[in-house]
């Protein structure tokens, strides 16, 4: 059961939306036209239905191959639930199936993308494997695009592009990566609760969204604890603007947000839990 999240302080709301816009890296704009770019669409498995539909629409309208990467991981139950609650997709089988298999059904049955234009990678369980296994799939299938549109859960969009760049590092056939999240999340307050401007259906519960946003910035840092080359070397270097760091601090230091996230009976992003329990917020 999802409970309403109470209104956020105006300063915190602005900070959350600043983080959300930046994390949802969008290289294609609001109405993407890829007739001369984006030889292939790569969709990493996620549970954000508007992003999944945007990827299918982009592939269908531009007659582009759709590569779907996603096995069964810690976020897969969220996709199962999103599909079960969706009026068009609720009849699709989910239990025990990979994210890629479920999304492929959506792409073919709802968006009429031909099966021969859908490529499935169904073993990856995290962002790094999405990139590595997709690269292997492309090599096996003889797919060597000059450019590729990468799509993912918008909270993970910037990291996913940096991960693909890292995995393809040194490859003389590296595509030009184009980032497109499908939607750019934005929250707004009502008198009693906070909601997404694009509608709440098929998106995150607000508490989960805040958890993901807070957990993402420490990952993107290029320091000893981050995912950049100076840390775990999972991603290429990402330059985090000072305004983004300040926005992150504003959300982290909001006592209402922290107390609500700690008391809610949800599975918080593991890095967020660490942030909540680290005095200075640096891991």
C-alpha atoms as a PDB file:
ATOM      1  CA  UNK A   1       0.000   0.000   0.000  1.00  0.00           C
ATOM      2  CA  UNK A   2       1.282   3.463  -0.949  1.00  0.00           C
ATOM      3  CA  UNK A   3       0.763   6.285   1.534  1.00  0.00           C
ATOM      4  CA  UNK A   4       0.699   9.980   0.565  1.00  0.00           C
ATOM      5  CA  UNK A   5       3.922  11.850   1.135  1.00  0.00           C
ATOM      6  CA  UNK A   6       3.306  15.204   2.885  1.00  0.00           C
ATOM      7  CA  UNK A   7       4.079  18.506   1.149  1.00  0.00           C
ATOM      8  CA  UNK A   8       7.738  19.458   0.969  1.00  0.00           C
ATOM      9  CA  UNK A   9       9.163  22.765   2.113  1.00  0.00           C
ATOM     10  CA  UNK A  10       9.434  25.086  -0.938  1.00  0.00           C
ATOM     11  CA  UNK A  11      13.240  25.163  -0.768  1.00  0.00           C
ATOM     12  CA  UNK A  12      13.413  21.374  -0.571  1.00  0.00           C
ATOM     13  CA  UNK A  13      10.909  20.953  -3.402  1.00  0.00           C
ATOM     14  CA  UNK A  14      13.039  23.197  -5.635  1.00  0.00           C
ATOM     15  CA  UNK A  15      16.161  21.249  -4.688  1.00  0.00           C
ATOM     16  CA  UNK A  16      14.564  17.871  -5.422  1.00  0.00           C
ATOM     17  CA  UNK A  17      13.395  19.079  -8.824  1.00  0.00           C
ATOM     18  CA  UNK A  18      16.845  20.480  -9.567  1.00  0.00           C
ATOM     19  CA  UNK A  19      18.373  17.082  -8.816  1.00  0.00           C
ATOM     20  CA  UNK A  20      15.707  15.249 -10.809  1.00  0.00           C
ATOM     21  CA  UNK A  21      16.249  17.383 -13.917  1.00  0.00           C
ATOM     22  CA  UNK A  22      20.007  16.932 -13.788  1.00  0.00           C
ATOM     23  CA  UNK A  23      19.962  13.193 -13.146  1.00  0.00           C
ATOM     24  CA  UNK A  24      17.504  12.693 -16.020  1.00  0.00           C
ATOM     25  CA  UNK A  25      20.089  13.737 -18.601  1.00  0.00           C
ATOM     26  CA  UNK A  26      18.224  14.630 -21.782  1.00  0.00           C
ATOM     27  CA  UNK A  27      20.231  15.099 -24.979  1.00  0.00           C
ATOM     28  CA  UNK A  28      17.236  14.925 -27.326  1.00  0.00           C
ATOM     29  CA  UNK A  29      14.838  17.554 -25.973  1.00  0.00           C
ATOM     30  CA  UNK A  30      11.109  17.323 -25.411  1.00  0.00           C
ATOM     31  CA  UNK A  31      10.154  16.071 -28.895  1.00  0.00           C
ATOM     32  CA  UNK A  32      13.020  13.878 -30.068  1.00  0.00           C
ATOM     33  CA  UNK A  33      13.567  13.483 -33.783  1.00  0.00           C
ATOM     34  CA  UNK A  34      16.213  10.864 -34.477  1.00  0.00           C
ATOM     35  CA  UNK A  35      15.869  10.472 -38.218  1.00  0.00           C
ATOM     36  CA  UNK A  36      19.524  11.413 -38.646  1.00  0.00           C
ATOM     37  CA  UNK A  37      20.891  10.128 -35.342  1.00  0.00           C
ATOM     38  CA  UNK A  38      20.373   7.257 -32.943  1.00  0.00           C
ATOM     39  CA  UNK A  39      20.884   4.106 -35.003  1.00  0.00           C
ATOM     40  CA  UNK A  40      19.568   1.960 -32.163  1.00  0.00           C
ATOM     41  CA  UNK A  41      17.553   2.393 -28.947  1.00  0.00           C
ATOM     42  CA  UNK A  42      19.011   0.761 -25.833  1.00  0.00           C
ATOM     43  CA  UNK A  43      16.556   0.437 -22.949  1.00  0.00           C
ATOM     44  CA  UNK A  44      17.884  -0.722 -19.600  1.00  0.00           C
ATOM     45  CA  UNK A  45      15.290  -2.566 -17.538  1.00  0.00           C
ATOM     46  CA  UNK A  46      13.397  -0.403 -15.062  1.00  0.00           C
ATOM     47  CA  UNK A  47       9.952   0.030 -13.550  1.00  0.00           C
ATOM     48  CA  UNK A  48       9.068   3.502 -14.847  1.00  0.00           C
ATOM     49  CA  UNK A  49       6.253   2.820 -17.308  1.00  0.00           C
ATOM     50  CA  UNK A  50       6.380   6.268 -19.015  1.00  0.00           C
ATOM     51  CA  UNK A  51      10.069   5.719 -19.817  1.00  0.00           C
ATOM     52  CA  UNK A  52       9.398   2.223 -21.159  1.00  0.00           C
ATOM     53  CA  UNK A  53       6.607   3.577 -23.349  1.00  0.00           C
ATOM     54  CA  UNK A  54       8.773   6.461 -24.557  1.00  0.00           C
ATOM     55  CA  UNK A  55      11.463   3.994 -25.642  1.00  0.00           C
ATOM     56  CA  UNK A  56       8.920   1.865 -27.490  1.00  0.00           C
ATOM     57  CA  UNK A  57       7.425   4.928 -29.151  1.00  0.00           C
ATOM     58  CA  UNK A  58      10.854   6.168 -30.233  1.00  0.00           C
ATOM     59  CA  UNK A  59      11.772   2.793 -31.709  1.00  0.00           C
ATOM     60  CA  UNK A  60       8.406   2.290 -33.402  1.00  0.00           C
ATOM     61  CA  UNK A  61       8.056   5.758 -34.913  1.00  0.00           C
ATOM     62  CA  UNK A  62      11.630   5.826 -36.206  1.00  0.00           C
ATOM     63  CA  UNK A  63      11.883   2.150 -37.214  1.00  0.00           C
ATOM     64  CA  UNK A  64      14.926   1.598 -35.037  1.00  0.00           C
ATOM     65  CA  UNK A  65      16.088  -1.661 -33.444  1.00  0.00           C
ATOM     66  CA  UNK A  66      15.266  -1.853 -29.741  1.00  0.00           C
ATOM     67  CA  UNK A  67      17.783  -3.516 -27.439  1.00  0.00           C
ATOM     68  CA  UNK A  68      16.317  -4.318 -24.022  1.00  0.00           C
ATOM     69  CA  UNK A  69      18.719  -5.197 -21.220  1.00  0.00           C
ATOM     70  CA  UNK A  70      17.545  -6.509 -17.862  1.00  0.00           C
ATOM     71  CA  UNK A  71      17.432  -9.762 -15.948  1.00  0.00           C
ATOM     72  CA  UNK A  72      15.985 -10.281 -12.479  1.00  0.00           C
ATOM     73  CA  UNK A  73      17.434  -7.942  -9.863  1.00  0.00           C
ATOM     74  CA  UNK A  74      16.512  -6.017  -6.742  1.00  0.00           C
ATOM     75  CA  UNK A  75      14.256  -3.620  -8.685  1.00  0.00           C
ATOM     76  CA  UNK A  76      12.387  -6.279 -10.665  1.00  0.00           C
ATOM     77  CA  UNK A  77       9.491  -6.539  -8.160  1.00  0.00           C
ATOM     78  CA  UNK A  78       8.768  -2.856  -8.797  1.00  0.00           C
ATOM     79  CA  UNK A  79       8.321  -3.633 -12.503  1.00  0.00           C
ATOM     80  CA  UNK A  80       6.060  -6.582 -11.659  1.00  0.00           C
ATOM     81  CA  UNK A  81       3.894  -4.270  -9.557  1.00  0.00           C
ATOM     82  CA  UNK A  82       3.856  -1.462 -12.134  1.00  0.00           C
ATOM     83  CA  UNK A  83       2.727  -3.863 -14.851  1.00  0.00           C
ATOM     84  CA  UNK A  84       0.085  -5.459 -12.617  1.00  0.00           C
ATOM     85  CA  UNK A  85      -1.418  -2.044 -11.846  1.00  0.00           C
ATOM     86  CA  UNK A  86      -1.364  -0.779 -15.422  1.00  0.00           C
ATOM     87  CA  UNK A  87      -4.704  -0.868 -17.278  1.00  0.00           C
ATOM     88  CA  UNK A  88      -3.135  -1.948 -20.604  1.00  0.00           C
ATOM     89  CA  UNK A  89      -0.427  -4.294 -19.377  1.00  0.00           C
ATOM     90  CA  UNK A  90      -1.919  -5.999 -16.323  1.00  0.00           C
ATOM     91  CA  UNK A  91      -2.647  -9.214 -18.251  1.00  0.00           C
ATOM     92  CA  UNK A  92       1.022  -9.736 -19.128  1.00  0.00           C
ATOM     93  CA  UNK A  93       2.720 -12.562 -17.207  1.00  0.00           C
ATOM     94  CA  UNK A  94       5.466 -11.313 -14.902  1.00  0.00           C
ATOM     95  CA  UNK A  95       6.331 -13.726 -12.073  1.00  0.00           C
ATOM     96  CA  UNK A  96       9.729 -15.316 -12.557  1.00  0.00           C
ATOM     97  CA  UNK A  97      10.353 -13.487 -15.826  1.00  0.00           C
ATOM     98  CA  UNK A  98      13.197 -11.119 -16.587  1.00  0.00           C
ATOM     99  CA  UNK A  99      12.663  -7.397 -17.019  1.00  0.00           C
ATOM    100  CA  UNK A 100      13.743  -7.619 -20.669  1.00  0.00           C
ATOM    101  CA  UNK A 101      11.206 -10.353 -21.459  1.00  0.00           C
ATOM    102  CA  UNK A 102       8.341  -8.388 -19.914  1.00  0.00           C
ATOM    103  CA  UNK A 103       9.290  -5.147 -21.638  1.00  0.00           C
ATOM    104  CA  UNK A 104       9.710  -6.991 -24.944  1.00  0.00           C
ATOM    105  CA  UNK A 105       6.075  -8.116 -24.641  1.00  0.00           C
ATOM    106  CA  UNK A 106       5.038  -4.507 -24.164  1.00  0.00           C
ATOM    107  CA  UNK A 107       7.108  -3.438 -27.177  1.00  0.00           C
ATOM    108  CA  UNK A 108       5.718  -6.099 -29.483  1.00  0.00           C
ATOM    109  CA  UNK A 109       2.121  -6.481 -28.333  1.00  0.00           C
ATOM    110  CA  UNK A 110       1.277  -2.862 -27.508  1.00  0.00           C
ATOM    111  CA  UNK A 111       3.623  -0.948 -29.827  1.00  0.00           C
ATOM    112  CA  UNK A 112       3.724  -3.450 -32.710  1.00  0.00           C
ATOM    113  CA  UNK A 113       7.511  -3.406 -32.927  1.00  0.00           C
ATOM    114  CA  UNK A 114       8.438  -6.438 -35.048  1.00  0.00           C
ATOM    115  CA  UNK A 115      10.016  -9.259 -33.087  1.00  0.00           C
ATOM    116  CA  UNK A 116      13.023  -9.249 -35.411  1.00  0.00           C
ATOM    117  CA  UNK A 117      13.716  -5.642 -34.364  1.00  0.00           C
ATOM    118  CA  UNK A 118      13.746  -6.473 -30.644  1.00  0.00           C
ATOM    119  CA  UNK A 119      16.949  -7.785 -29.076  1.00  0.00           C
ATOM    120  CA  UNK A 120      16.796  -9.168 -25.549  1.00  0.00           C
ATOM    121  CA  UNK A 121      19.574  -9.362 -22.969  1.00  0.00           C
ATOM    122  CA  UNK A 122      17.987 -11.050 -19.970  1.00  0.00           C
ATOM    123  CA  UNK A 123      20.837 -11.842 -17.572  1.00  0.00           C
ATOM    124  CA  UNK A 124      22.080  -8.506 -16.238  1.00  0.00           C
ATOM    125  CA  UNK A 125      21.227  -7.613 -12.648  1.00  0.00           C
ATOM    126  CA  UNK A 126      22.767  -4.136 -12.330  1.00  0.00           C
ATOM    127  CA  UNK A 127      23.775  -1.110 -14.355  1.00  0.00           C
ATOM    128  CA  UNK A 128      27.305  -2.328 -15.044  1.00  0.00           C
ATOM    129  CA  UNK A 129      26.044  -5.628 -16.371  1.00  0.00           C
ATOM    130  CA  UNK A 130      23.439  -3.819 -18.496  1.00  0.00           C
ATOM    131  CA  UNK A 131      26.309  -2.136 -20.319  1.00  0.00           C
ATOM    132  CA  UNK A 132      28.711  -5.092 -20.426  1.00  0.00           C
ATOM    133  CA  UNK A 133      26.145  -7.652 -21.531  1.00  0.00           C
ATOM    134  CA  UNK A 134      24.660  -5.258 -24.087  1.00  0.00           C
ATOM    135  CA  UNK A 135      28.100  -4.825 -25.585  1.00  0.00           C
ATOM    136  CA  UNK A 136      28.461  -8.610 -25.842  1.00  0.00           C
ATOM    137  CA  UNK A 137      25.012  -8.899 -27.426  1.00  0.00           C
ATOM    138  CA  UNK A 138      25.886  -6.244 -30.013  1.00  0.00           C
ATOM    139  CA  UNK A 139      29.102  -8.061 -30.901  1.00  0.00           C
ATOM    140  CA  UNK A 140      27.286 -11.387 -31.229  1.00  0.00           C
ATOM    141  CA  UNK A 141      24.538  -9.891 -33.401  1.00  0.00           C
ATOM    142  CA  UNK A 142      26.870  -7.784 -35.529  1.00  0.00           C
ATOM    143  CA  UNK A 143      25.292  -4.543 -34.326  1.00  0.00           C
ATOM    144  CA  UNK A 144      27.814  -1.702 -34.558  1.00  0.00           C
ATOM    145  CA  UNK A 145      25.832   1.547 -34.405  1.00  0.00           C
ATOM    146  CA  UNK A 146      27.465   4.915 -35.003  1.00  0.00           C
ATOM    147  CA  UNK A 147      25.199   6.382 -32.351  1.00  0.00           C
ATOM    148  CA  UNK A 148      22.829   4.932 -29.773  1.00  0.00           C
ATOM    149  CA  UNK A 149      20.055   6.377 -27.625  1.00  0.00           C
ATOM    150  CA  UNK A 150      20.313   5.111 -24.051  1.00  0.00           C
ATOM    151  CA  UNK A 151      17.189   5.051 -21.885  1.00  0.00           C
ATOM    152  CA  UNK A 152      16.837   4.093 -18.232  1.00  0.00           C
ATOM    153  CA  UNK A 153      14.985   4.974 -15.037  1.00  0.00           C
ATOM    154  CA  UNK A 154      15.408   8.780 -15.104  1.00  0.00           C
ATOM    155  CA  UNK A 155      17.013   8.818 -11.662  1.00  0.00           C
ATOM    156  CA  UNK A 156      19.756   6.551 -13.080  1.00  0.00           C
ATOM    157  CA  UNK A 157      19.974   8.085 -16.549  1.00  0.00           C
ATOM    158  CA  UNK A 158      23.194  10.082 -16.138  1.00  0.00           C
ATOM    159  CA  UNK A 159      24.970   7.200 -14.387  1.00  0.00           C
ATOM    160  CA  UNK A 160      23.846   4.705 -17.017  1.00  0.00           C
ATOM    161  CA  UNK A 161      25.312   6.756 -19.860  1.00  0.00           C
ATOM    162  CA  UNK A 162      28.582   7.097 -17.921  1.00  0.00           C
ATOM    163  CA  UNK A 163      28.559   3.321 -17.337  1.00  0.00           C
ATOM    164  CA  UNK A 164      28.137   2.524 -21.026  1.00  0.00           C
ATOM    165  CA  UNK A 165      30.947   4.948 -21.828  1.00  0.00           C
ATOM    166  CA  UNK A 166      33.161   3.213 -19.270  1.00  0.00           C
ATOM    167  CA  UNK A 167      32.420  -0.292 -20.592  1.00  0.00           C
ATOM    168  CA  UNK A 168      33.115   0.772 -24.191  1.00  0.00           C
ATOM    169  CA  UNK A 169      36.285   2.661 -23.190  1.00  0.00           C
ATOM    170  CA  UNK A 170      39.047   2.007 -25.721  1.00  0.00           C
ATOM    171  CA  UNK A 171      36.744   0.296 -28.236  1.00  0.00           C
ATOM    172  CA  UNK A 172      37.355   1.657 -31.730  1.00  0.00           C
ATOM    173  CA  UNK A 173      33.670   1.064 -32.516  1.00  0.00           C
ATOM    174  CA  UNK A 174      32.281   3.028 -29.585  1.00  0.00           C
ATOM    175  CA  UNK A 175      28.975   4.666 -30.559  1.00  0.00           C
ATOM    176  CA  UNK A 176      28.141   8.271 -29.848  1.00  0.00           C
ATOM    177  CA  UNK A 177      25.946   7.986 -26.762  1.00  0.00           C
ATOM    178  CA  UNK A 178      22.736  10.000 -26.668  1.00  0.00           C
ATOM    179  CA  UNK A 179      20.865  10.188 -23.385  1.00  0.00           C
ATOM    180  CA  UNK A 180      17.079  10.296 -23.280  1.00  0.00           C
ATOM    181  CA  UNK A 181      15.056   9.556 -20.115  1.00  0.00           C
ATOM    182  CA  UNK A 182      11.622   9.603 -21.745  1.00  0.00           C
ATOM    183  CA  UNK A 183      10.312  11.843 -18.965  1.00  0.00           C
ATOM    184  CA  UNK A 184      11.954  14.361 -16.661  1.00  0.00           C
ATOM    185  CA  UNK A 185      10.459  13.932 -13.179  1.00  0.00           C
ATOM    186  CA  UNK A 186       9.091  16.976 -11.392  1.00  0.00           C
ATOM    187  CA  UNK A 187       7.235  17.120  -8.086  1.00  0.00           C
ATOM    188  CA  UNK A 188       4.619  19.607  -6.970  1.00  0.00           C
ATOM    189  CA  UNK A 189       2.800  20.182  -3.691  1.00  0.00           C
ATOM    190  CA  UNK A 190      -0.903  20.005  -3.068  1.00  0.00           C
ATOM    191  CA  UNK A 191      -2.460  20.991   0.228  1.00  0.00           C
ATOM    192  CA  UNK A 192      -1.933  17.540   1.746  1.00  0.00           C
ATOM    193  CA  UNK A 193       0.622  15.688  -0.353  1.00  0.00           C
ATOM    194  CA  UNK A 194       3.250  15.805  -3.093  1.00  0.00           C
ATOM    195  CA  UNK A 195       2.818  14.385  -6.609  1.00  0.00           C
ATOM    196  CA  UNK A 196       4.488  14.127 -10.010  1.00  0.00           C
ATOM    197  CA  UNK A 197       3.478  16.681 -12.626  1.00  0.00           C
ATOM    198  CA  UNK A 198       3.214  13.947 -15.293  1.00  0.00           C
ATOM    199  CA  UNK A 199       0.871  11.983 -13.030  1.00  0.00           C
ATOM    200  CA  UNK A 200       1.722   9.374 -10.433  1.00  0.00           C
ATOM    201  CA  UNK A 201       0.640   6.319 -12.438  1.00  0.00           C
ATOM    202  CA  UNK A 202       3.503   4.068 -13.479  1.00  0.00           C
ATOM    203  CA  UNK A 203       6.068   6.121 -11.603  1.00  0.00           C
ATOM    204  CA  UNK A 204       7.816   5.771  -8.252  1.00  0.00           C
ATOM    205  CA  UNK A 205       6.215   6.178  -4.884  1.00  0.00           C
ATOM    206  CA  UNK A 206       7.453   9.602  -3.750  1.00  0.00           C
ATOM    207  CA  UNK A 207       9.420   8.181  -0.830  1.00  0.00           C
ATOM    208  CA  UNK A 208      11.210   5.746  -3.139  1.00  0.00           C
ATOM    209  CA  UNK A 209      11.937   8.534  -5.605  1.00  0.00           C
ATOM    210  CA  UNK A 210      13.495  10.702  -2.893  1.00  0.00           C
ATOM    211  CA  UNK A 211      15.531   7.730  -1.704  1.00  0.00           C
ATOM    212  CA  UNK A 212      16.855   7.063  -5.205  1.00  0.00           C
ATOM    213  CA  UNK A 213      17.713  10.705  -5.852  1.00  0.00           C
ATOM    214  CA  UNK A 214      19.597  11.015  -2.581  1.00  0.00           C
ATOM    215  CA  UNK A 215      21.499   7.790  -3.200  1.00  0.00           C
ATOM    216  CA  UNK A 216      22.532   8.695  -6.742  1.00  0.00           C
ATOM    217  CA  UNK A 217      24.806  11.685  -6.094  1.00  0.00           C
ATOM    218  CA  UNK A 218      27.281   9.762  -3.869  1.00  0.00           C
ATOM    219  CA  UNK A 219      27.539   7.136  -6.599  1.00  0.00           C
ATOM    220  CA  UNK A 220      28.329   9.714  -9.268  1.00  0.00           C
ATOM    221  CA  UNK A 221      31.110  11.373  -7.291  1.00  0.00           C
ATOM    222  CA  UNK A 222      34.620  10.757  -8.547  1.00  0.00           C
ATOM    223  CA  UNK A 223      36.176  10.165  -5.142  1.00  0.00           C
ATOM    224  CA  UNK A 224      37.360   7.196  -3.123  1.00  0.00           C
ATOM    225  CA  UNK A 225      33.802   6.096  -2.295  1.00  0.00           C
ATOM    226  CA  UNK A 226      32.140   6.984  -5.582  1.00  0.00           C
ATOM    227  CA  UNK A 227      31.798   5.069  -8.824  1.00  0.00           C
ATOM    228  CA  UNK A 228      34.138   7.284 -10.873  1.00  0.00           C
ATOM    229  CA  UNK A 229      37.716   6.488 -11.996  1.00  0.00           C
ATOM    230  CA  UNK A 230      39.152   7.691  -8.662  1.00  0.00           C
ATOM    231  CA  UNK A 231      36.905   5.280  -6.762  1.00  0.00           C
ATOM    232  CA  UNK A 232      35.354   2.028  -7.925  1.00  0.00           C
ATOM    233  CA  UNK A 233      35.899   2.855 -11.600  1.00  0.00           C
ATOM    234  CA  UNK A 234      32.443   1.686 -12.637  1.00  0.00           C
ATOM    235  CA  UNK A 235      31.720   4.841 -14.657  1.00  0.00           C
ATOM    236  CA  UNK A 236      33.515   7.522 -16.617  1.00  0.00           C
ATOM    237  CA  UNK A 237      34.175  10.785 -14.792  1.00  0.00           C
ATOM    238  CA  UNK A 238      31.025  12.841 -14.211  1.00  0.00           C
ATOM    239  CA  UNK A 239      31.395  16.512 -13.388  1.00  0.00           C
ATOM    240  CA  UNK A 240      28.887  17.372 -10.671  1.00  0.00           C
ATOM    241  CA  UNK A 241      28.069  21.101 -10.667  1.00  0.00           C
ATOM    242  CA  UNK A 242      28.225  22.923  -7.353  1.00  0.00           C
ATOM    243  CA  UNK A 243      24.535  23.781  -7.653  1.00  0.00           C
ATOM    244  CA  UNK A 244      23.732  20.059  -7.749  1.00  0.00           C
ATOM    245  CA  UNK A 245      25.859  19.331  -4.687  1.00  0.00           C
ATOM    246  CA  UNK A 246      24.106  22.156  -2.843  1.00  0.00           C
ATOM    247  CA  UNK A 247      20.690  20.878  -3.899  1.00  0.00           C
ATOM    248  CA  UNK A 248      21.627  17.422  -2.612  1.00  0.00           C
ATOM    249  CA  UNK A 249      22.714  18.893   0.732  1.00  0.00           C
ATOM    250  CA  UNK A 250      19.434  20.804   0.983  1.00  0.00           C
ATOM    251  CA  UNK A 251      17.384  17.616   0.573  1.00  0.00           C
ATOM    252  CA  UNK A 252      19.659  15.567   2.836  1.00  0.00           C
ATOM    253  CA  UNK A 253      19.483  18.192   5.590  1.00  0.00           C
ATOM    254  CA  UNK A 254      15.698  18.493   5.505  1.00  0.00           C
ATOM    255  CA  UNK A 255      14.565  16.886   8.790  1.00  0.00           C
ATOM    256  CA  UNK A 256      11.090  16.155   7.436  1.00  0.00           C
ATOM    257  CA  UNK A 257      12.464  14.217   4.471  1.00  0.00           C
ATOM    258  CA  UNK A 258      14.948  12.287   6.593  1.00  0.00           C
ATOM    259  CA  UNK A 259      12.461  11.371   9.288  1.00  0.00           C
ATOM    260  CA  UNK A 260       9.818  10.335   6.784  1.00  0.00           C
ATOM    261  CA  UNK A 261      12.242   8.154   4.854  1.00  0.00           C
ATOM    262  CA  UNK A 262      13.488   6.522   8.026  1.00  0.00           C
ATOM    263  CA  UNK A 263      10.045   5.786   9.414  1.00  0.00           C
ATOM    264  CA  UNK A 264       8.347   4.607   6.227  1.00  0.00           C
ATOM    265  CA  UNK A 265       8.039   0.866   5.806  1.00  0.00           C
ATOM    266  CA  UNK A 266       9.821   0.840   2.440  1.00  0.00           C
ATOM    267  CA  UNK A 267      13.040  -0.706   1.273  1.00  0.00           C
ATOM    268  CA  UNK A 268      15.277   2.339   0.960  1.00  0.00           C
ATOM    269  CA  UNK A 269      18.077   2.593  -1.532  1.00  0.00           C
ATOM    270  CA  UNK A 270      21.107   1.111   0.249  1.00  0.00           C
ATOM    271  CA  UNK A 271      23.279   4.171  -0.331  1.00  0.00           C
ATOM    272  CA  UNK A 272      20.566   6.396   1.078  1.00  0.00           C
ATOM    273  CA  UNK A 273      20.598   4.377   4.277  1.00  0.00           C
ATOM    274  CA  UNK A 274      24.328   4.989   4.509  1.00  0.00           C
ATOM    275  CA  UNK A 275      23.836   8.692   3.839  1.00  0.00           C
ATOM    276  CA  UNK A 276      21.216   8.920   6.569  1.00  0.00           C
ATOM    277  CA  UNK A 277      23.625   7.382   9.035  1.00  0.00           C
ATOM    278  CA  UNK A 278      26.736   9.341   8.017  1.00  0.00           C
ATOM    279  CA  UNK A 279      27.034  12.719   9.787  1.00  0.00           C
ATOM    280  CA  UNK A 280      28.589  14.658   6.913  1.00  0.00           C
ATOM    281  CA  UNK A 281      26.843  12.742   4.152  1.00  0.00           C
ATOM    282  CA  UNK A 282      30.091  11.699   2.446  1.00  0.00           C
ATOM    283  CA  UNK A 283      30.646   7.978   2.097  1.00  0.00           C
END
